[in-house]
């Protein structure tokens, strides 16, 4: 009988120990803005990722710094953006 190949899961501490991510805030930003896989909830407070999905994300990352420097759309838009633009004209 062939046993199914089960994925190997890694948790935040493993990602941290391997030097992939430093803190939860960065990880949350990567998930929301950079396409890092959201992982799976293995329990009420246990999130884990398969080694394969983390490896796929890492290999998809650009190697050129310029690709990382595109402006991010973060935060709220300024209230008086049009007034500031009109005053500068």
PDB file of N, CA and C in Angstrom:
ATOM      1  N   UNK A   1       0.840  -1.170   0.000  1.00  0.00           N
ATOM      2  CA  UNK A   1       0.000   0.000   0.000  1.00  0.00           C
ATOM      3  C   UNK A   1       0.897   1.250   0.000  1.00  0.00           C
ATOM      4  N   UNK A   2       0.607   2.175  -0.905  1.00  0.00           N
ATOM      5  CA  UNK A   2       1.383   3.413  -1.026  1.00  0.00           C
ATOM      6  C   UNK A   2       0.841   4.459  -0.072  1.00  0.00           C
ATOM      7  N   UNK A   3       1.724   5.012   0.740  1.00  0.00           N
ATOM      8  CA  UNK A   3       1.319   6.078   1.656  1.00  0.00           C
ATOM      9  C   UNK A   3       1.353   7.402   0.897  1.00  0.00           C
ATOM     10  N   UNK A   4       0.334   8.233   1.092  1.00  0.00           N
ATOM     11  CA  UNK A   4       0.345   9.529   0.400  1.00  0.00           C
ATOM     12  C   UNK A   4       1.456  10.410   0.951  1.00  0.00           C
ATOM     13  N   UNK A   5       2.030  11.187   0.057  1.00  0.00           N
ATOM     14  CA  UNK A   5       3.064  12.131   0.481  1.00  0.00           C
ATOM     15  C   UNK A   5       2.382  13.331   1.132  1.00  0.00           C
ATOM     16  N   UNK A   6       2.617  13.496   2.398  1.00  0.00           N
ATOM     17  CA  UNK A   6       2.040  14.625   3.123  1.00  0.00           C
ATOM     18  C   UNK A   6       2.987  15.811   3.042  1.00  0.00           C
ATOM     19  N   UNK A   7       2.440  17.020   2.959  1.00  0.00           N
ATOM     20  CA  UNK A   7       3.313  18.199   2.894  1.00  0.00           C
ATOM     21  C   UNK A   7       4.010  18.431   4.228  1.00  0.00           C
ATOM     22  N   UNK A   8       5.163  19.047   4.147  1.00  0.00           N
ATOM     23  CA  UNK A   8       5.880  19.449   5.351  1.00  0.00           C
ATOM     24  C   UNK A   8       5.494  20.893   5.646  1.00  0.00           C
ATOM     25  N   UNK A   9       4.948  21.117   6.829  1.00  0.00           N
ATOM     26  CA  UNK A   9       4.504  22.452   7.210  1.00  0.00           C
ATOM     27  C   UNK A   9       5.581  23.159   8.024  1.00  0.00           C
ATOM     28  N   UNK A  10       5.652  24.465   7.828  1.00  0.00           N
ATOM     29  CA  UNK A  10       6.542  25.305   8.625  1.00  0.00           C
ATOM     30  C   UNK A  10       5.698  26.404   9.262  1.00  0.00           C
ATOM     31  N   UNK A  11       6.069  26.761  10.473  1.00  0.00           N
ATOM     32  CA  UNK A  11       5.371  27.820  11.191  1.00  0.00           C
ATOM     33  C   UNK A  11       6.233  29.075  11.203  1.00  0.00           C
ATOM     34  N   UNK A  12       5.709  30.140  11.792  1.00  0.00           N
ATOM     35  CA  UNK A  12       6.409  31.423  11.796  1.00  0.00           C
ATOM     36  C   UNK A  12       7.827  31.300  12.351  1.00  0.00           C
ATOM     37  N   UNK A  13       7.980  30.593  13.438  1.00  0.00           N
ATOM     38  CA  UNK A  13       9.317  30.472  14.061  1.00  0.00           C
ATOM     39  C   UNK A  13      10.322  29.827  13.103  1.00  0.00           C
ATOM     40  N   UNK A  14       9.857  28.886  12.306  1.00  0.00           N
ATOM     41  CA  UNK A  14      10.755  28.252  11.330  1.00  0.00           C
ATOM     42  C   UNK A  14      11.122  29.250  10.240  1.00  0.00           C
ATOM     43  N   UNK A  15      10.133  30.015   9.757  1.00  0.00           N
ATOM     44  CA  UNK A  15      10.430  31.048   8.761  1.00  0.00           C
ATOM     45  C   UNK A  15      11.428  32.059   9.320  1.00  0.00           C
ATOM     46  N   UNK A  16      11.260  32.390  10.575  1.00  0.00           N
ATOM     47  CA  UNK A  16      12.155  33.331  11.244  1.00  0.00           C
ATOM     48  C   UNK A  16      13.552  32.729  11.402  1.00  0.00           C
ATOM     49  N   UNK A  17      13.627  31.486  11.834  1.00  0.00           N
ATOM     50  CA  UNK A  17      14.918  30.837  12.048  1.00  0.00           C
ATOM     51  C   UNK A  17      15.694  30.669  10.734  1.00  0.00           C
ATOM     52  N   UNK A  18      14.978  30.496   9.633  1.00  0.00           N
ATOM     53  CA  UNK A  18      15.628  30.338   8.323  1.00  0.00           C
ATOM     54  C   UNK A  18      15.969  31.674   7.673  1.00  0.00           C
ATOM     55  N   UNK A  19      15.654  32.768   8.359  1.00  0.00           N
ATOM     56  CA  UNK A  19      16.001  34.096   7.857  1.00  0.00           C
ATOM     57  C   UNK A  19      15.083  34.602   6.762  1.00  0.00           C
ATOM     58  N   UNK A  20      13.886  34.048   6.659  1.00  0.00           N
ATOM     59  CA  UNK A  20      12.957  34.467   5.617  1.00  0.00           C
ATOM     60  C   UNK A  20      12.208  35.725   6.029  1.00  0.00           C
ATOM     61  N   UNK A  21      11.767  35.788   7.272  1.00  0.00           N
ATOM     62  CA  UNK A  21      11.026  36.949   7.769  1.00  0.00           C
ATOM     63  C   UNK A  21      11.453  37.220   9.211  1.00  0.00           C
ATOM     64  N   UNK A  22      11.395  38.501   9.594  1.00  0.00           N
ATOM     65  CA  UNK A  22      11.847  38.874  10.940  1.00  0.00           C
ATOM     66  C   UNK A  22      10.728  39.013  11.955  1.00  0.00           C
ATOM     67  N   UNK A  23       9.558  39.491  11.500  1.00  0.00           N
ATOM     68  CA  UNK A  23       8.497  39.765  12.466  1.00  0.00           C
ATOM     69  C   UNK A  23       7.120  39.563  11.843  1.00  0.00           C
ATOM     70  N   UNK A  24       6.102  39.534  12.698  1.00  0.00           N
ATOM     71  CA  UNK A  24       4.733  39.295  12.255  1.00  0.00           C
ATOM     72  C   UNK A  24       4.199  40.430  11.379  1.00  0.00           C
ATOM     73  N   UNK A  25       4.600  41.651  11.665  1.00  0.00           N
ATOM     74  CA  UNK A  25       4.114  42.790  10.892  1.00  0.00           C
ATOM     75  C   UNK A  25       4.571  42.672   9.437  1.00  0.00           C
ATOM     76  N   UNK A  26       5.827  42.353   9.243  1.00  0.00           N
ATOM     77  CA  UNK A  26       6.342  42.167   7.888  1.00  0.00           C
ATOM     78  C   UNK A  26       5.628  41.014   7.198  1.00  0.00           C
ATOM     79  N   UNK A  27       5.434  39.921   7.908  1.00  0.00           N
ATOM     80  CA  UNK A  27       4.742  38.771   7.331  1.00  0.00           C
ATOM     81  C   UNK A  27       3.321  39.150   6.906  1.00  0.00           C
ATOM     82  N   UNK A  28       2.609  39.878   7.744  1.00  0.00           N
ATOM     83  CA  UNK A  28       1.252  40.304   7.401  1.00  0.00           C
ATOM     84  C   UNK A  28       1.252  41.213   6.172  1.00  0.00           C
ATOM     85  N   UNK A  29       2.232  42.107   6.076  1.00  0.00           N
ATOM     86  CA  UNK A  29       2.335  42.996   4.909  1.00  0.00           C
ATOM     87  C   UNK A  29       2.648  42.192   3.656  1.00  0.00           C
ATOM     88  N   UNK A  30       3.552  41.212   3.763  1.00  0.00           N
ATOM     89  CA  UNK A  30       3.857  40.360   2.609  1.00  0.00           C
ATOM     90  C   UNK A  30       2.618  39.614   2.139  1.00  0.00           C
ATOM     91  N   UNK A  31       1.811  39.129   3.081  1.00  0.00           N
ATOM     92  CA  UNK A  31       0.594  38.397   2.714  1.00  0.00           C
ATOM     93  C   UNK A  31      -0.384  39.334   2.003  1.00  0.00           C
ATOM     94  N   UNK A  32      -0.567  40.546   2.524  1.00  0.00           N
ATOM     95  CA  UNK A  32      -1.549  41.460   1.942  1.00  0.00           C
ATOM     96  C   UNK A  32      -1.053  42.168   0.688  1.00  0.00           C
ATOM     97  N   UNK A  33       0.248  42.475   0.605  1.00  0.00           N
ATOM     98  CA  UNK A  33       0.752  43.308  -0.491  1.00  0.00           C
ATOM     99  C   UNK A  33       1.685  42.608  -1.472  1.00  0.00           C
ATOM    100  N   UNK A  34       2.336  41.543  -1.046  1.00  0.00           N
ATOM    101  CA  UNK A  34       3.415  40.977  -1.866  1.00  0.00           C
ATOM    102  C   UNK A  34       3.162  39.555  -2.342  1.00  0.00           C
ATOM    103  N   UNK A  35       1.982  39.043  -2.138  1.00  0.00           N
ATOM    104  CA  UNK A  35       1.661  37.720  -2.655  1.00  0.00           C
ATOM    105  C   UNK A  35       2.179  36.544  -1.861  1.00  0.00           C
ATOM    106  N   UNK A  36       2.665  36.791  -0.629  1.00  0.00           N
ATOM    107  CA  UNK A  36       3.090  35.664   0.197  1.00  0.00           C
ATOM    108  C   UNK A  36       1.858  34.816   0.485  1.00  0.00           C
ATOM    109  N   UNK A  37       1.998  33.486   0.441  1.00  0.00           N
ATOM    110  CA  UNK A  37       0.825  32.633   0.655  1.00  0.00           C
ATOM    111  C   UNK A  37       0.228  32.839   2.045  1.00  0.00           C
ATOM    112  N   UNK A  38      -1.096  32.827   2.151  1.00  0.00           N
ATOM    113  CA  UNK A  38      -1.730  33.064   3.446  1.00  0.00           C
ATOM    114  C   UNK A  38      -1.565  31.910   4.429  1.00  0.00           C
ATOM    115  N   UNK A  39      -1.169  30.761   3.961  1.00  0.00           N
ATOM    116  CA  UNK A  39      -0.989  29.620   4.845  1.00  0.00           C
ATOM    117  C   UNK A  39      -2.312  28.977   5.204  1.00  0.00           C
ATOM    118  N   UNK A  40      -2.252  28.086   6.166  1.00  0.00           N
ATOM    119  CA  UNK A  40      -3.429  27.352   6.605  1.00  0.00           C
ATOM    120  C   UNK A  40      -3.514  27.412   8.119  1.00  0.00           C
ATOM    121  N   UNK A  41      -4.728  27.469   8.603  1.00  0.00           N
ATOM    122  CA  UNK A  41      -4.923  27.407  10.046  1.00  0.00           C
ATOM    123  C   UNK A  41      -4.994  25.935  10.441  1.00  0.00           C
ATOM    124  N   UNK A  42      -4.020  25.496  11.210  1.00  0.00           N
ATOM    125  CA  UNK A  42      -4.010  24.118  11.687  1.00  0.00           C
ATOM    126  C   UNK A  42      -4.730  23.993  13.017  1.00  0.00           C
ATOM    127  N   UNK A  43      -4.961  25.111  13.646  1.00  0.00           N
ATOM    128  CA  UNK A  43      -5.671  25.175  14.921  1.00  0.00           C
ATOM    129  C   UNK A  43      -6.151  26.597  15.105  1.00  0.00           C
ATOM    130  N   UNK A  44      -6.799  26.913  16.213  1.00  0.00           N
ATOM    131  CA  UNK A  44      -7.343  28.257  16.402  1.00  0.00           C
ATOM    132  C   UNK A  44      -6.280  29.358  16.353  1.00  0.00           C
ATOM    133  N   UNK A  45      -5.084  29.073  16.793  1.00  0.00           N
ATOM    134  CA  UNK A  45      -4.011  30.072  16.796  1.00  0.00           C
ATOM    135  C   UNK A  45      -2.740  29.554  16.142  1.00  0.00           C
ATOM    136  N   UNK A  46      -2.877  28.592  15.248  1.00  0.00           N
ATOM    137  CA  UNK A  46      -1.703  27.981  14.616  1.00  0.00           C
ATOM    138  C   UNK A  46      -1.820  28.125  13.107  1.00  0.00           C
ATOM    139  N   UNK A  47      -0.964  28.959  12.524  1.00  0.00           N
ATOM    140  CA  UNK A  47      -0.912  29.125  11.076  1.00  0.00           C
ATOM    141  C   UNK A  47       0.392  28.510  10.588  1.00  0.00           C
ATOM    142  N   UNK A  48       0.291  27.801   9.464  1.00  0.00           N
ATOM    143  CA  UNK A  48       1.476  27.143   8.910  1.00  0.00           C
ATOM    144  C   UNK A  48       1.419  27.201   7.393  1.00  0.00           C
ATOM    145  N   UNK A  49       2.582  27.052   6.790  1.00  0.00           N
ATOM    146  CA  UNK A  49       2.741  27.074   5.341  1.00  0.00           C
ATOM    147  C   UNK A  49       3.458  25.803   4.926  1.00  0.00           C
ATOM    148  N   UNK A  50       3.184  25.337   3.719  1.00  0.00           N
ATOM    149  CA  UNK A  50       3.956  24.198   3.230  1.00  0.00           C
ATOM    150  C   UNK A  50       5.306  24.714   2.757  1.00  0.00           C
ATOM    151  N   UNK A  51       6.302  23.875   2.859  1.00  0.00           N
ATOM    152  CA  UNK A  51       7.632  24.262   2.370  1.00  0.00           C
ATOM    153  C   UNK A  51       7.578  24.581   0.888  1.00  0.00           C
ATOM    154  N   UNK A  52       6.736  23.853   0.148  1.00  0.00           N
ATOM    155  CA  UNK A  52       6.641  24.054  -1.297  1.00  0.00           C
ATOM    156  C   UNK A  52       6.093  25.435  -1.642  1.00  0.00           C
ATOM    157  N   UNK A  53       5.050  25.894  -0.932  1.00  0.00           N
ATOM    158  CA  UNK A  53       4.481  27.197  -1.267  1.00  0.00           C
ATOM    159  C   UNK A  53       5.418  28.334  -0.862  1.00  0.00           C
ATOM    160  N   UNK A  54       6.157  28.161   0.221  1.00  0.00           N
ATOM    161  CA  UNK A  54       7.143  29.176   0.609  1.00  0.00           C
ATOM    162  C   UNK A  54       8.280  29.205  -0.414  1.00  0.00           C
ATOM    163  N   UNK A  55       8.747  28.037  -0.823  1.00  0.00           N
ATOM    164  CA  UNK A  55       9.819  27.963  -1.825  1.00  0.00           C
ATOM    165  C   UNK A  55       9.376  28.570  -3.150  1.00  0.00           C
ATOM    166  N   UNK A  56       8.125  28.320  -3.544  1.00  0.00           N
ATOM    167  CA  UNK A  56       7.609  28.887  -4.798  1.00  0.00           C
ATOM    168  C   UNK A  56       7.563  30.410  -4.713  1.00  0.00           C
ATOM    169  N   UNK A  57       7.125  30.942  -3.563  1.00  0.00           N
ATOM    170  CA  UNK A  57       7.081  32.396  -3.410  1.00  0.00           C
ATOM    171  C   UNK A  57       8.486  32.987  -3.457  1.00  0.00           C
ATOM    172  N   UNK A  58       9.415  32.346  -2.765  1.00  0.00           N
ATOM    173  CA  UNK A  58      10.797  32.841  -2.764  1.00  0.00           C
ATOM    174  C   UNK A  58      11.388  32.840  -4.169  1.00  0.00           C
ATOM    175  N   UNK A  59      11.121  31.790  -4.937  1.00  0.00           N
ATOM    176  CA  UNK A  59      11.690  31.723  -6.283  1.00  0.00           C
ATOM    177  C   UNK A  59      11.012  32.713  -7.226  1.00  0.00           C
ATOM    178  N   UNK A  60       9.806  33.181  -6.889  1.00  0.00           N
ATOM    179  CA  UNK A  60       9.115  34.149  -7.740  1.00  0.00           C
ATOM    180  C   UNK A  60       9.556  35.587  -7.464  1.00  0.00           C
ATOM    181  N   UNK A  61      10.311  35.808  -6.399  1.00  0.00           N
ATOM    182  CA  UNK A  61      10.739  37.154  -6.033  1.00  0.00           C
ATOM    183  C   UNK A  61      11.761  37.667  -7.030  1.00  0.00           C
ATOM    184  N   UNK A  62      11.693  38.963  -7.348  1.00  0.00           N
ATOM    185  CA  UNK A  62      12.650  39.515  -8.313  1.00  0.00           C
ATOM    186  C   UNK A  62      14.066  39.535  -7.748  1.00  0.00           C
ATOM    187  N   UNK A  63      15.014  39.461  -8.643  1.00  0.00           N
ATOM    188  CA  UNK A  63      16.415  39.542  -8.227  1.00  0.00           C
ATOM    189  C   UNK A  63      16.963  40.950  -8.430  1.00  0.00           C
ATOM    190  N   UNK A  64      16.243  41.773  -9.168  1.00  0.00           N
ATOM    191  CA  UNK A  64      16.665  43.143  -9.433  1.00  0.00           C
ATOM    192  C   UNK A  64      16.011  44.085  -8.429  1.00  0.00           C
ATOM    193  N   UNK A  65      16.807  44.894  -7.764  1.00  0.00           N
ATOM    194  CA  UNK A  65      16.296  45.809  -6.742  1.00  0.00           C
ATOM    195  C   UNK A  65      15.271  46.785  -7.309  1.00  0.00           C
ATOM    196  N   UNK A  66      15.432  47.205  -8.553  1.00  0.00           N
ATOM    197  CA  UNK A  66      14.514  48.174  -9.151  1.00  0.00           C
ATOM    198  C   UNK A  66      13.088  47.648  -9.181  1.00  0.00           C
ATOM    199  N   UNK A  67      12.921  46.359  -9.324  1.00  0.00           N
ATOM    200  CA  UNK A  67      11.587  45.768  -9.353  1.00  0.00           C
ATOM    201  C   UNK A  67      10.898  45.898  -7.999  1.00  0.00           C
ATOM    202  N   UNK A  68      11.661  46.011  -6.937  1.00  0.00           N
ATOM    203  CA  UNK A  68      11.088  46.147  -5.598  1.00  0.00           C
ATOM    204  C   UNK A  68      10.773  47.587  -5.240  1.00  0.00           C
ATOM    205  N   UNK A  69      11.268  48.541  -6.012  1.00  0.00           N
ATOM    206  CA  UNK A  69      11.136  49.946  -5.642  1.00  0.00           C
ATOM    207  C   UNK A  69       9.891  50.618  -6.200  1.00  0.00           C
ATOM    208  N   UNK A  70       8.971  49.878  -6.807  1.00  0.00           N
ATOM    209  CA  UNK A  70       7.754  50.510  -7.297  1.00  0.00           C
ATOM    210  C   UNK A  70       6.962  51.037  -6.110  1.00  0.00           C
ATOM    211  N   UNK A  71       6.290  52.165  -6.269  1.00  0.00           N
ATOM    212  CA  UNK A  71       5.598  52.779  -5.129  1.00  0.00           C
ATOM    213  C   UNK A  71       4.472  51.894  -4.611  1.00  0.00           C
ATOM    214  N   UNK A  72       4.344  51.890  -3.293  1.00  0.00           N
ATOM    215  CA  UNK A  72       3.280  51.120  -2.645  1.00  0.00           C
ATOM    216  C   UNK A  72       2.074  52.015  -2.433  1.00  0.00           C
ATOM    217  N   UNK A  73       0.908  51.448  -2.535  1.00  0.00           N
ATOM    218  CA  UNK A  73      -0.322  52.170  -2.252  1.00  0.00           C
ATOM    219  C   UNK A  73      -0.728  51.825  -0.834  1.00  0.00           C
ATOM    220  N   UNK A  74      -0.316  52.639   0.109  1.00  0.00           N
ATOM    221  CA  UNK A  74      -0.591  52.366   1.518  1.00  0.00           C
ATOM    222  C   UNK A  74      -1.206  53.589   2.157  1.00  0.00           C
ATOM    223  N   UNK A  75      -1.904  53.370   3.204  1.00  0.00           N
ATOM    224  CA  UNK A  75      -2.458  54.468   3.988  1.00  0.00           C
ATOM    225  C   UNK A  75      -3.650  55.124   3.320  1.00  0.00           C
ATOM    226  N   UNK A  76      -4.136  56.157   3.969  1.00  0.00           N
ATOM    227  CA  UNK A  76      -5.278  56.894   3.449  1.00  0.00           C
ATOM    228  C   UNK A  76      -4.810  57.980   2.508  1.00  0.00           C
ATOM    229  N   UNK A  77      -5.633  58.302   1.525  1.00  0.00           N
ATOM    230  CA  UNK A  77      -5.269  59.445   0.670  1.00  0.00           C
ATOM    231  C   UNK A  77      -5.364  60.738   1.473  1.00  0.00           C
ATOM    232  N   UNK A  78      -4.571  61.697   1.108  1.00  0.00           N
ATOM    233  CA  UNK A  78      -4.599  62.970   1.813  1.00  0.00           C
ATOM    234  C   UNK A  78      -5.938  63.653   1.597  1.00  0.00           C
ATOM    235  N   UNK A  79      -6.429  64.326   2.636  1.00  0.00           N
ATOM    236  CA  UNK A  79      -7.736  64.999   2.556  1.00  0.00           C
ATOM    237  C   UNK A  79      -7.735  66.086   1.488  1.00  0.00           C
ATOM    238  N   UNK A  80      -6.730  66.922   1.504  1.00  0.00           N
ATOM    239  CA  UNK A  80      -6.703  68.087   0.615  1.00  0.00           C
ATOM    240  C   UNK A  80      -5.754  67.872  -0.550  1.00  0.00           C
ATOM    241  N   UNK A  81      -5.753  66.706  -1.120  1.00  0.00           N
ATOM    242  CA  UNK A  81      -4.835  66.446  -2.228  1.00  0.00           C
ATOM    243  C   UNK A  81      -5.114  67.390  -3.380  1.00  0.00           C
ATOM    244  N   UNK A  82      -6.363  67.647  -3.707  1.00  0.00           N
ATOM    245  CA  UNK A  82      -6.669  68.550  -4.827  1.00  0.00           C
ATOM    246  C   UNK A  82      -6.328  69.985  -4.466  1.00  0.00           C
ATOM    247  N   UNK A  83      -6.550  70.384  -3.199  1.00  0.00           N
ATOM    248  CA  UNK A  83      -6.222  71.741  -2.788  1.00  0.00           C
ATOM    249  C   UNK A  83      -4.720  71.966  -2.827  1.00  0.00           C
ATOM    250  N   UNK A  84      -3.959  70.975  -2.444  1.00  0.00           N
ATOM    251  CA  UNK A  84      -2.499  71.108  -2.471  1.00  0.00           C
ATOM    252  C   UNK A  84      -2.038  71.212  -3.907  1.00  0.00           C
ATOM    253  N   UNK A  85      -2.617  70.385  -4.793  1.00  0.00           N
ATOM    254  CA  UNK A  85      -2.225  70.433  -6.198  1.00  0.00           C
ATOM    255  C   UNK A  85      -2.605  71.773  -6.822  1.00  0.00           C
ATOM    256  N   UNK A  86      -3.757  72.333  -6.473  1.00  0.00           N
ATOM    257  CA  UNK A  86      -4.194  73.596  -7.026  1.00  0.00           C
ATOM    258  C   UNK A  86      -3.324  74.742  -6.517  1.00  0.00           C
ATOM    259  N   UNK A  87      -2.915  74.667  -5.249  1.00  0.00           N
ATOM    260  CA  UNK A  87      -2.071  75.719  -4.677  1.00  0.00           C
ATOM    261  C   UNK A  87      -0.680  75.726  -5.286  1.00  0.00           C
ATOM    262  N   UNK A  88      -0.214  74.566  -5.716  1.00  0.00           N
ATOM    263  CA  UNK A  88       1.126  74.477  -6.283  1.00  0.00           C
ATOM    264  C   UNK A  88       1.144  74.976  -7.719  1.00  0.00           C
ATOM    265  N   UNK A  89      -0.010  75.018  -8.366  1.00  0.00           N
ATOM    266  CA  UNK A  89      -0.061  75.409  -9.775  1.00  0.00           C
ATOM    267  C   UNK A  89       0.011  76.894  -9.960  1.00  0.00           C
TER     268      UNK A  89
END
